[in-house]
Amino acid sequence: MTRIAFLALLLSMSCVAGARELRVCADPNNLPFSNQQREGFENAIVELLARDLGATVEYVWWAQRRGALRNTLHAGKCDVVPGIASSMEMLATTRPYYRGTYMFVARHGTPWSRVATFDDPQLREATIGVQLVGDDGANTPPAHSLARRGMVGNVRGFTVYGDYARPDPQAAIVDAVADGRVDIAVVWGPTAGYYAARHGDALQLVPVQPWLDGPLWPMTFDISLGVRRDDRELRRELDRALERNAAGIAAILERFHVRNVETTDTAAHATAPNVPTP
């Protein structure tokens, strides 16, 4: 081996040894957000940011259930968690990369396709699909909003985690609207847009209004990447990468039918349905 070839080999070995990894915790079966085949929009956004930072993505797969953050990010198994509500207290968050909202999903041409608020009298005549978490007070805002209006009897519950035995666990609530098992559903926006697109033009999506139902139940959320509170430099790097790649991220969101809500209101910083609980 020549001296030049030997030096080139040493240089390539050094580059491999020093290659940067962006350790990301994500759900392995949670389309449209992420899956182990890297087919979700959060996978695509993370890959885009990693390329910008000269890094490769190393995933730590963990289902988004209670305890997910404690067992992943805070256990040091990963450094970044996508899909976190901005200003979530237990971690530091980047600038938002989209603003999502809950959507009413109904079939075109039905009386429920024009519903936009929980106070619409048409809802009292409807069977309403709702994403539910549990009965311990950690339920989704739409579930609470319907309950406080006395419409529990109208609700048909669908777990926010979906049927984990399927490759598309959260599709069921949108499919139930399409095939008539429920008249209307209230679905987190990215889930609604992604699965409604599978039904062509059959379904109508209307953002829930207003964005805040009373003092407690926001329907709109800024969504960020989460890092540990002491990872200040990583947070700054990700903020700059998000800014540089805003157009690319917008294109990814559009491709996955994720509506980026524009509003003059301040979006909520509470727990959105795709955010793992501590």
C-alpha atoms as a PDB file:
ATOM      1  CA  MET A   1       0.000   0.000   0.000  1.00  0.00           C
ATOM      2  CA  THR A   2       1.354   3.398  -0.919  1.00  0.00           C
ATOM      3  CA  ARG A   3       1.789   6.109   1.667  1.00  0.00           C
ATOM      4  CA  ILE A   4      -1.013   8.144   0.050  1.00  0.00           C
ATOM      5  CA  ALA A   5      -3.389   5.186   0.083  1.00  0.00           C
ATOM      6  CA  PHE A   6      -2.515   4.463   3.715  1.00  0.00           C
ATOM      7  CA  LEU A   7      -3.236   8.076   4.713  1.00  0.00           C
ATOM      8  CA  ALA A   8      -6.517   7.976   2.792  1.00  0.00           C
ATOM      9  CA  LEU A   9      -7.507   4.794   4.646  1.00  0.00           C
ATOM     10  CA  LEU A  10      -6.707   6.377   8.011  1.00  0.00           C
ATOM     11  CA  LEU A  11      -8.722   9.450   7.077  1.00  0.00           C
ATOM     12  CA  SER A  12     -11.756   7.385   6.039  1.00  0.00           C
ATOM     13  CA  MET A  13     -11.553   5.337   9.245  1.00  0.00           C
ATOM     14  CA  SER A  14     -11.383   8.525  11.275  1.00  0.00           C
ATOM     15  CA  CYS A  15     -14.453   9.925   9.497  1.00  0.00           C
ATOM     16  CA  VAL A  16     -16.420   6.726  10.133  1.00  0.00           C
ATOM     17  CA  ALA A  17     -15.372   6.649  13.776  1.00  0.00           C
ATOM     18  CA  GLY A  18     -16.349  10.295  14.196  1.00  0.00           C
ATOM     19  CA  ALA A  19     -19.653  10.116  12.283  1.00  0.00           C
ATOM     20  CA  ARG A  20     -22.379  11.942  14.165  1.00  0.00           C
ATOM     21  CA  GLU A  21     -25.565  10.197  15.222  1.00  0.00           C
ATOM     22  CA  LEU A  22     -28.845  11.876  16.034  1.00  0.00           C
ATOM     23  CA  ARG A  23     -30.484   9.536  18.544  1.00  0.00           C
ATOM     24  CA  VAL A  24     -34.246   9.781  18.114  1.00  0.00           C
ATOM     25  CA  CYS A  25     -36.961   8.081  20.137  1.00  0.00           C
ATOM     26  CA  ALA A  26     -40.076   7.283  18.118  1.00  0.00           C
ATOM     27  CA  ASP A  27     -43.044   4.952  18.086  1.00  0.00           C
ATOM     28  CA  PRO A  28     -42.460   1.918  15.812  1.00  0.00           C
ATOM     29  CA  ASN A  29     -46.130   1.670  14.757  1.00  0.00           C
ATOM     30  CA  ASN A  30     -47.797   5.052  14.778  1.00  0.00           C
ATOM     31  CA  LEU A  31     -48.592   6.236  11.254  1.00  0.00           C
ATOM     32  CA  PRO A  32     -48.882   8.909  10.019  1.00  0.00           C
ATOM     33  CA  PHE A  33     -46.297  10.059  12.567  1.00  0.00           C
ATOM     34  CA  SER A  34     -43.679   7.304  12.583  1.00  0.00           C
ATOM     35  CA  ASN A  35     -43.084   3.619  12.127  1.00  0.00           C
ATOM     36  CA  GLN A  36     -40.157   1.219  12.119  1.00  0.00           C
ATOM     37  CA  GLN A  37     -40.046   1.320   8.311  1.00  0.00           C
ATOM     38  CA  ARG A  38     -39.490   5.105   8.585  1.00  0.00           C
ATOM     39  CA  GLU A  39     -42.618   5.859   6.556  1.00  0.00           C
ATOM     40  CA  GLY A  40     -44.146   8.592   8.763  1.00  0.00           C
ATOM     41  CA  PHE A  41     -43.907  12.343   8.362  1.00  0.00           C
ATOM     42  CA  GLU A  42     -41.932  12.663  11.599  1.00  0.00           C
ATOM     43  CA  ASN A  43     -39.438  10.142  10.196  1.00  0.00           C
ATOM     44  CA  ALA A  44     -39.108  12.274   7.072  1.00  0.00           C
ATOM     45  CA  ILE A  45     -38.644  15.503   9.035  1.00  0.00           C
ATOM     46  CA  VAL A  46     -36.054  13.978  11.359  1.00  0.00           C
ATOM     47  CA  GLU A  47     -34.106  12.585   8.389  1.00  0.00           C
ATOM     48  CA  LEU A  48     -34.170  16.013   6.724  1.00  0.00           C
ATOM     49  CA  LEU A  49     -32.824  17.723   9.846  1.00  0.00           C
ATOM     50  CA  ALA A  50     -30.162  15.056  10.369  1.00  0.00           C
ATOM     51  CA  ARG A  51     -28.832  15.560   6.841  1.00  0.00           C
ATOM     52  CA  ASP A  52     -28.660  19.288   7.504  1.00  0.00           C
ATOM     53  CA  LEU A  53     -26.604  18.617  10.654  1.00  0.00           C
ATOM     54  CA  GLY A  54     -24.319  16.118   8.925  1.00  0.00           C
ATOM     55  CA  ALA A  55     -25.653  13.282  11.058  1.00  0.00           C
ATOM     56  CA  THR A  56     -27.303   9.914  10.633  1.00  0.00           C
ATOM     57  CA  VAL A  57     -30.463   8.967  12.510  1.00  0.00           C
ATOM     58  CA  GLU A  58     -30.253   6.213  15.106  1.00  0.00           C
ATOM     59  CA  TYR A  59     -33.729   5.254  16.314  1.00  0.00           C
ATOM     60  CA  VAL A  60     -34.729   3.963  19.715  1.00  0.00           C
ATOM     61  CA  TRP A  61     -38.206   2.503  19.225  1.00  0.00           C
ATOM     62  CA  TRP A  62     -40.686   2.858  22.065  1.00  0.00           C
ATOM     63  CA  ALA A  63     -44.486   2.893  21.942  1.00  0.00           C
ATOM     64  CA  GLN A  64     -45.956   6.224  22.992  1.00  0.00           C
ATOM     65  CA  ARG A  65     -47.612   5.188  26.198  1.00  0.00           C
ATOM     66  CA  ARG A  66     -47.522   6.463  29.757  1.00  0.00           C
ATOM     67  CA  GLY A  67     -43.913   6.504  30.920  1.00  0.00           C
ATOM     68  CA  ALA A  68     -42.430   6.861  27.430  1.00  0.00           C
ATOM     69  CA  LEU A  69     -40.391   9.980  28.179  1.00  0.00           C
ATOM     70  CA  ARG A  70     -39.205   8.639  31.522  1.00  0.00           C
ATOM     71  CA  ASN A  71     -37.971   5.437  29.910  1.00  0.00           C
ATOM     72  CA  THR A  72     -36.388   6.977  26.822  1.00  0.00           C
ATOM     73  CA  LEU A  73     -35.288  10.612  26.770  1.00  0.00           C
ATOM     74  CA  HIS A  74     -34.819  10.981  30.512  1.00  0.00           C
ATOM     75  CA  ALA A  75     -33.142   7.582  30.744  1.00  0.00           C
ATOM     76  CA  GLY A  76     -30.502   8.759  28.270  1.00  0.00           C
ATOM     77  CA  LYS A  77     -31.509   6.292  25.551  1.00  0.00           C
ATOM     78  CA  CYS A  78     -32.193   9.032  23.024  1.00  0.00           C
ATOM     79  CA  ASP A  79     -31.632  12.760  22.657  1.00  0.00           C
ATOM     80  CA  VAL A  80     -34.585  13.928  20.552  1.00  0.00           C
ATOM     81  CA  VAL A  81     -38.314  13.159  20.596  1.00  0.00           C
ATOM     82  CA  PRO A  82     -40.462  14.518  17.737  1.00  0.00           C
ATOM     83  CA  GLY A  83     -44.118  15.449  18.062  1.00  0.00           C
ATOM     84  CA  ILE A  84     -43.952  17.197  21.448  1.00  0.00           C
ATOM     85  CA  ALA A  85     -46.353  19.970  22.419  1.00  0.00           C
ATOM     86  CA  SER A  86     -44.336  23.188  22.653  1.00  0.00           C
ATOM     87  CA  SER A  87     -43.320  24.267  26.180  1.00  0.00           C
ATOM     88  CA  MET A  88     -44.099  20.890  27.701  1.00  0.00           C
ATOM     89  CA  GLU A  89     -42.760  21.311  31.214  1.00  0.00           C
ATOM     90  CA  MET A  90     -40.686  18.159  31.634  1.00  0.00           C
ATOM     91  CA  LEU A  91     -38.300  18.922  28.780  1.00  0.00           C
ATOM     92  CA  ALA A  92     -37.003  21.666  26.524  1.00  0.00           C
ATOM     93  CA  THR A  93     -38.637  22.179  23.143  1.00  0.00           C
ATOM     94  CA  THR A  94     -37.530  23.667  19.866  1.00  0.00           C
ATOM     95  CA  ARG A  95     -39.349  26.244  17.827  1.00  0.00           C
ATOM     96  CA  PRO A  96     -42.608  24.738  16.515  1.00  0.00           C
ATOM     97  CA  TYR A  97     -42.471  23.057  13.138  1.00  0.00           C
ATOM     98  CA  TYR A  98     -46.237  22.935  12.698  1.00  0.00           C
ATOM     99  CA  ARG A  99     -49.452  23.928  14.419  1.00  0.00           C
ATOM    100  CA  GLY A 100     -52.093  21.224  14.499  1.00  0.00           C
ATOM    101  CA  THR A 101     -55.746  21.266  15.443  1.00  0.00           C
ATOM    102  CA  TYR A 102     -58.586  18.830  16.019  1.00  0.00           C
ATOM    103  CA  MET A 103     -60.882  18.277  13.062  1.00  0.00           C
ATOM    104  CA  PHE A 104     -64.515  17.350  12.652  1.00  0.00           C
ATOM    105  CA  VAL A 105     -64.629  14.530  10.090  1.00  0.00           C
ATOM    106  CA  ALA A 106     -67.940  13.784   8.350  1.00  0.00           C
ATOM    107  CA  ARG A 107     -69.165  12.395   5.054  1.00  0.00           C
ATOM    108  CA  HIS A 108     -69.815  14.947   2.325  1.00  0.00           C
ATOM    109  CA  GLY A 109     -73.477  15.738   1.813  1.00  0.00           C
ATOM    110  CA  THR A 110     -74.603  14.804   5.334  1.00  0.00           C
ATOM    111  CA  PRO A 111     -76.025  17.260   7.895  1.00  0.00           C
ATOM    112  CA  TRP A 112     -72.826  16.859   9.921  1.00  0.00           C
ATOM    113  CA  SER A 113     -70.428  17.950   7.173  1.00  0.00           C
ATOM    114  CA  ARG A 114     -70.977  21.602   8.177  1.00  0.00           C
ATOM    115  CA  VAL A 115     -70.465  21.168  11.931  1.00  0.00           C
ATOM    116  CA  ALA A 116     -67.641  23.394  13.221  1.00  0.00           C
ATOM    117  CA  THR A 117     -68.338  23.792  16.949  1.00  0.00           C
ATOM    118  CA  PHE A 118     -69.325  21.588  19.880  1.00  0.00           C
ATOM    119  CA  ASP A 119     -72.397  23.787  20.364  1.00  0.00           C
ATOM    120  CA  ASP A 120     -73.884  22.963  16.963  1.00  0.00           C
ATOM    121  CA  PRO A 121     -77.324  21.394  17.678  1.00  0.00           C
ATOM    122  CA  GLN A 122     -76.705  18.822  14.921  1.00  0.00           C
ATOM    123  CA  LEU A 123     -74.229  17.074  17.219  1.00  0.00           C
ATOM    124  CA  ARG A 124     -76.986  16.122  19.662  1.00  0.00           C
ATOM    125  CA  GLU A 125     -78.568  14.013  16.931  1.00  0.00           C
ATOM    126  CA  ALA A 126     -75.297  12.326  15.897  1.00  0.00           C
ATOM    127  CA  THR A 127     -73.183   9.375  16.893  1.00  0.00           C
ATOM    128  CA  ILE A 128     -69.765  10.902  17.473  1.00  0.00           C
ATOM    129  CA  GLY A 129     -66.446   9.120  17.200  1.00  0.00           C
ATOM    130  CA  VAL A 130     -63.908  10.424  19.702  1.00  0.00           C
ATOM    131  CA  GLN A 131     -60.304   9.511  20.477  1.00  0.00           C
ATOM    132  CA  LEU A 132     -60.052   8.435  24.113  1.00  0.00           C
ATOM    133  CA  VAL A 133     -57.051   7.889  26.379  1.00  0.00           C
ATOM    134  CA  GLY A 134     -58.589   6.684  29.624  1.00  0.00           C
ATOM    135  CA  ASP A 135     -60.863   7.556  32.540  1.00  0.00           C
ATOM    136  CA  ASP A 136     -58.170   9.072  34.759  1.00  0.00           C
ATOM    137  CA  GLY A 137     -58.585  12.713  33.713  1.00  0.00           C
ATOM    138  CA  ALA A 138     -55.952  12.430  30.967  1.00  0.00           C
ATOM    139  CA  ASN A 139     -58.485  12.232  28.173  1.00  0.00           C
ATOM    140  CA  THR A 140     -58.374  14.227  24.949  1.00  0.00           C
ATOM    141  CA  PRO A 141     -59.847  17.749  24.919  1.00  0.00           C
ATOM    142  CA  PRO A 142     -62.774  16.792  22.621  1.00  0.00           C
ATOM    143  CA  ALA A 143     -63.785  14.024  25.018  1.00  0.00           C
ATOM    144  CA  HIS A 144     -63.954  16.518  27.879  1.00  0.00           C
ATOM    145  CA  SER A 145     -65.770  19.099  25.742  1.00  0.00           C
ATOM    146  CA  LEU A 146     -68.493  16.627  24.786  1.00  0.00           C
ATOM    147  CA  ALA A 147     -68.807  15.339  28.348  1.00  0.00           C
ATOM    148  CA  ARG A 148     -69.345  18.791  29.817  1.00  0.00           C
ATOM    149  CA  ARG A 149     -72.158  19.328  27.302  1.00  0.00           C
ATOM    150  CA  GLY A 150     -73.882  16.144  28.407  1.00  0.00           C
ATOM    151  CA  MET A 151     -73.248  14.232  25.187  1.00  0.00           C
ATOM    152  CA  VAL A 152     -71.518  11.190  26.622  1.00  0.00           C
ATOM    153  CA  GLY A 153     -74.322   9.004  25.295  1.00  0.00           C
ATOM    154  CA  ASN A 154     -73.528  10.121  21.741  1.00  0.00           C
ATOM    155  CA  VAL A 155     -69.882   9.134  21.964  1.00  0.00           C
ATOM    156  CA  ARG A 156     -68.340   6.066  20.359  1.00  0.00           C
ATOM    157  CA  GLY A 157     -64.839   5.732  21.752  1.00  0.00           C
ATOM    158  CA  PHE A 158     -61.691   4.883  19.793  1.00  0.00           C
ATOM    159  CA  THR A 159     -58.437   4.547  21.696  1.00  0.00           C
ATOM    160  CA  VAL A 160     -55.931   7.209  20.741  1.00  0.00           C
ATOM    161  CA  TYR A 161     -53.304   4.461  20.452  1.00  0.00           C
ATOM    162  CA  GLY A 162     -55.458   2.467  18.045  1.00  0.00           C
ATOM    163  CA  ASP A 163     -55.222  -1.245  17.320  1.00  0.00           C
ATOM    164  CA  TYR A 164     -51.499  -1.920  17.660  1.00  0.00           C
ATOM    165  CA  ALA A 165     -51.868  -5.249  15.838  1.00  0.00           C
ATOM    166  CA  ARG A 166     -52.563  -3.294  12.631  1.00  0.00           C
ATOM    167  CA  PRO A 167     -49.980  -1.436  10.522  1.00  0.00           C
ATOM    168  CA  ASP A 168     -52.253   1.636  10.687  1.00  0.00           C
ATOM    169  CA  PRO A 169     -53.482   1.618  14.300  1.00  0.00           C
ATOM    170  CA  GLN A 170     -55.296   4.967  14.243  1.00  0.00           C
ATOM    171  CA  ALA A 171     -57.189   4.500  10.963  1.00  0.00           C
ATOM    172  CA  ALA A 172     -60.275   2.989  12.597  1.00  0.00           C
ATOM    173  CA  ILE A 173     -61.916   6.219  13.727  1.00  0.00           C
ATOM    174  CA  VAL A 174     -61.760   7.769  10.241  1.00  0.00           C
ATOM    175  CA  ASP A 175     -62.822   4.504   8.588  1.00  0.00           C
ATOM    176  CA  ALA A 176     -65.858   4.431  10.901  1.00  0.00           C
ATOM    177  CA  VAL A 177     -67.019   7.765   9.500  1.00  0.00           C
ATOM    178  CA  ALA A 178     -66.434   6.647   5.912  1.00  0.00           C
ATOM    179  CA  ASP A 179     -68.463   3.445   6.277  1.00  0.00           C
ATOM    180  CA  GLY A 180     -71.275   5.042   8.296  1.00  0.00           C
ATOM    181  CA  ARG A 181     -70.698   3.428  11.702  1.00  0.00           C
ATOM    182  CA  VAL A 182     -70.527   6.936  13.173  1.00  0.00           C
ATOM    183  CA  ASP A 183     -72.007  10.156  11.785  1.00  0.00           C
ATOM    184  CA  ILE A 184     -69.084  12.400  12.645  1.00  0.00           C
ATOM    185  CA  ALA A 185     -65.757  12.131  14.476  1.00  0.00           C
ATOM    186  CA  VAL A 186     -63.418  14.543  16.236  1.00  0.00           C
ATOM    187  CA  VAL A 187     -59.876  13.566  15.279  1.00  0.00           C
ATOM    188  CA  TRP A 188     -56.418  15.045  15.813  1.00  0.00           C
ATOM    189  CA  GLY A 189     -55.609  16.890  12.578  1.00  0.00           C
ATOM    190  CA  PRO A 190     -52.621  14.929  11.207  1.00  0.00           C
ATOM    191  CA  THR A 191     -54.435  11.638  11.790  1.00  0.00           C
ATOM    192  CA  ALA A 192     -57.625  12.990  10.228  1.00  0.00           C
ATOM    193  CA  GLY A 193     -55.936  14.361   7.120  1.00  0.00           C
ATOM    194  CA  TYR A 194     -53.772  11.324   6.453  1.00  0.00           C
ATOM    195  CA  TYR A 195     -56.500   8.704   6.747  1.00  0.00           C
ATOM    196  CA  ALA A 196     -59.270  10.792   5.180  1.00  0.00           C
ATOM    197  CA  ALA A 197     -57.126  11.098   2.037  1.00  0.00           C
ATOM    198  CA  ARG A 198     -57.432   7.321   1.618  1.00  0.00           C
ATOM    199  CA  HIS A 199     -61.147   7.799   0.992  1.00  0.00           C
ATOM    200  CA  GLY A 200     -60.715  10.287  -1.840  1.00  0.00           C
ATOM    201  CA  ASP A 201     -63.290  13.089  -1.693  1.00  0.00           C
ATOM    202  CA  ALA A 202     -65.797  11.182   0.424  1.00  0.00           C
ATOM    203  CA  LEU A 203     -64.984  12.979   3.681  1.00  0.00           C
ATOM    204  CA  GLN A 204     -65.167  16.606   4.772  1.00  0.00           C
ATOM    205  CA  LEU A 205     -62.684  17.963   7.337  1.00  0.00           C
ATOM    206  CA  VAL A 206     -63.547  21.098   9.317  1.00  0.00           C
ATOM    207  CA  PRO A 207     -61.244  22.562  12.017  1.00  0.00           C
ATOM    208  CA  VAL A 208     -62.853  22.656  15.461  1.00  0.00           C
ATOM    209  CA  GLN A 209     -63.763  26.208  16.450  1.00  0.00           C
ATOM    210  CA  PRO A 210     -62.962  28.079  18.579  1.00  0.00           C
ATOM    211  CA  TRP A 211     -59.390  26.960  19.253  1.00  0.00           C
ATOM    212  CA  LEU A 212     -60.041  27.091  23.027  1.00  0.00           C
ATOM    213  CA  ASP A 213     -63.167  25.535  24.520  1.00  0.00           C
ATOM    214  CA  GLY A 214     -63.614  27.330  27.805  1.00  0.00           C
ATOM    215  CA  PRO A 215     -60.591  27.919  30.043  1.00  0.00           C
ATOM    216  CA  LEU A 216     -59.260  24.355  30.032  1.00  0.00           C
ATOM    217  CA  TRP A 217     -59.640  22.550  26.701  1.00  0.00           C
ATOM    218  CA  PRO A 218     -57.480  23.747  23.810  1.00  0.00           C
ATOM    219  CA  MET A 219     -58.078  22.271  20.364  1.00  0.00           C
ATOM    220  CA  THR A 220     -54.951  23.701  18.714  1.00  0.00           C
ATOM    221  CA  PHE A 221     -51.336  22.937  19.593  1.00  0.00           C
ATOM    222  CA  ASP A 222     -47.887  24.094  18.540  1.00  0.00           C
ATOM    223  CA  ILE A 223     -45.731  21.007  17.934  1.00  0.00           C
ATOM    224  CA  SER A 224     -41.950  20.862  18.445  1.00  0.00           C
ATOM    225  CA  LEU A 225     -39.012  18.530  18.925  1.00  0.00           C
ATOM    226  CA  GLY A 226     -38.230  17.733  22.546  1.00  0.00           C
ATOM    227  CA  VAL A 227     -34.770  17.458  24.142  1.00  0.00           C
ATOM    228  CA  ARG A 228     -33.509  17.242  27.707  1.00  0.00           C
ATOM    229  CA  ARG A 229     -33.567  20.595  29.467  1.00  0.00           C
ATOM    230  CA  ASP A 230     -29.772  20.723  29.778  1.00  0.00           C
ATOM    231  CA  ASP A 231     -29.153  19.955  26.060  1.00  0.00           C
ATOM    232  CA  ARG A 232     -29.053  23.656  25.205  1.00  0.00           C
ATOM    233  CA  GLU A 233     -26.618  23.385  22.299  1.00  0.00           C
ATOM    234  CA  LEU A 234     -28.585  20.571  20.651  1.00  0.00           C
ATOM    235  CA  ARG A 235     -31.741  22.607  21.002  1.00  0.00           C
ATOM    236  CA  ARG A 236     -30.059  25.606  19.362  1.00  0.00           C
ATOM    237  CA  GLU A 237     -28.755  23.416  16.528  1.00  0.00           C
ATOM    238  CA  LEU A 238     -32.195  21.963  15.904  1.00  0.00           C
ATOM    239  CA  ASP A 239     -33.789  25.422  15.988  1.00  0.00           C
ATOM    240  CA  ARG A 240     -31.406  26.644  13.306  1.00  0.00           C
ATOM    241  CA  ALA A 241     -31.954  23.502  11.225  1.00  0.00           C
ATOM    242  CA  LEU A 242     -35.736  23.896  11.496  1.00  0.00           C
ATOM    243  CA  GLU A 243     -35.462  27.470  10.282  1.00  0.00           C
ATOM    244  CA  ARG A 244     -33.195  26.553   7.363  1.00  0.00           C
ATOM    245  CA  ASN A 245     -35.467  23.700   6.300  1.00  0.00           C
ATOM    246  CA  ALA A 246     -38.865  25.346   6.760  1.00  0.00           C
ATOM    247  CA  ALA A 247     -39.781  24.940   3.090  1.00  0.00           C
ATOM    248  CA  GLY A 248     -38.786  21.257   3.059  1.00  0.00           C
ATOM    249  CA  ILE A 249     -40.787  20.585   6.213  1.00  0.00           C
ATOM    250  CA  ALA A 250     -43.830  22.341   4.737  1.00  0.00           C
ATOM    251  CA  ALA A 251     -43.566  20.095   1.678  1.00  0.00           C
ATOM    252  CA  ILE A 252     -43.447  16.972   3.868  1.00  0.00           C
ATOM    253  CA  LEU A 253     -46.496  18.077   5.837  1.00  0.00           C
ATOM    254  CA  GLU A 254     -48.409  18.741   2.628  1.00  0.00           C
ATOM    255  CA  ARG A 255     -47.450  15.337   1.237  1.00  0.00           C
ATOM    256  CA  PHE A 256     -48.902  13.665   4.341  1.00  0.00           C
ATOM    257  CA  HIS A 257     -52.049  15.855   4.297  1.00  0.00           C
ATOM    258  CA  VAL A 258     -51.105  17.527   7.589  1.00  0.00           C
ATOM    259  CA  ARG A 259     -52.845  20.896   7.768  1.00  0.00           C
ATOM    260  CA  ASN A 260     -50.576  23.539   9.316  1.00  0.00           C
ATOM    261  CA  VAL A 261     -53.100  25.811  10.991  1.00  0.00           C
ATOM    262  CA  GLU A 262     -52.613  29.544  10.638  1.00  0.00           C
ATOM    263  CA  THR A 263     -54.162  31.530  13.434  1.00  0.00           C
ATOM    264  CA  THR A 264     -53.565  34.769  15.292  1.00  0.00           C
ATOM    265  CA  ASP A 265     -54.393  33.023  18.554  1.00  0.00           C
ATOM    266  CA  THR A 266     -51.652  31.624  20.736  1.00  0.00           C
ATOM    267  CA  ALA A 267     -51.721  27.854  20.353  1.00  0.00           C
ATOM    268  CA  ALA A 268     -51.880  25.728  23.455  1.00  0.00           C
ATOM    269  CA  HIS A 269     -48.921  24.136  25.174  1.00  0.00           C
ATOM    270  CA  ALA A 270     -50.791  21.272  26.799  1.00  0.00           C
ATOM    271  CA  THR A 271     -50.521  17.601  25.907  1.00  0.00           C
ATOM    272  CA  ALA A 272     -51.563  16.825  22.349  1.00  0.00           C
ATOM    273  CA  PRO A 273     -52.758  13.317  21.476  1.00  0.00           C
ATOM    274  CA  ASN A 274     -49.521  12.217  19.849  1.00  0.00           C
ATOM    275  CA  VAL A 275     -47.346  13.306  22.770  1.00  0.00           C
ATOM    276  CA  PRO A 276     -46.034  10.573  25.081  1.00  0.00           C
ATOM    277  CA  THR A 277     -46.947  11.091  28.703  1.00  0.00           C
ATOM    278  CA  PRO A 278     -44.174  11.346  31.329  1.00  0.00           C
END
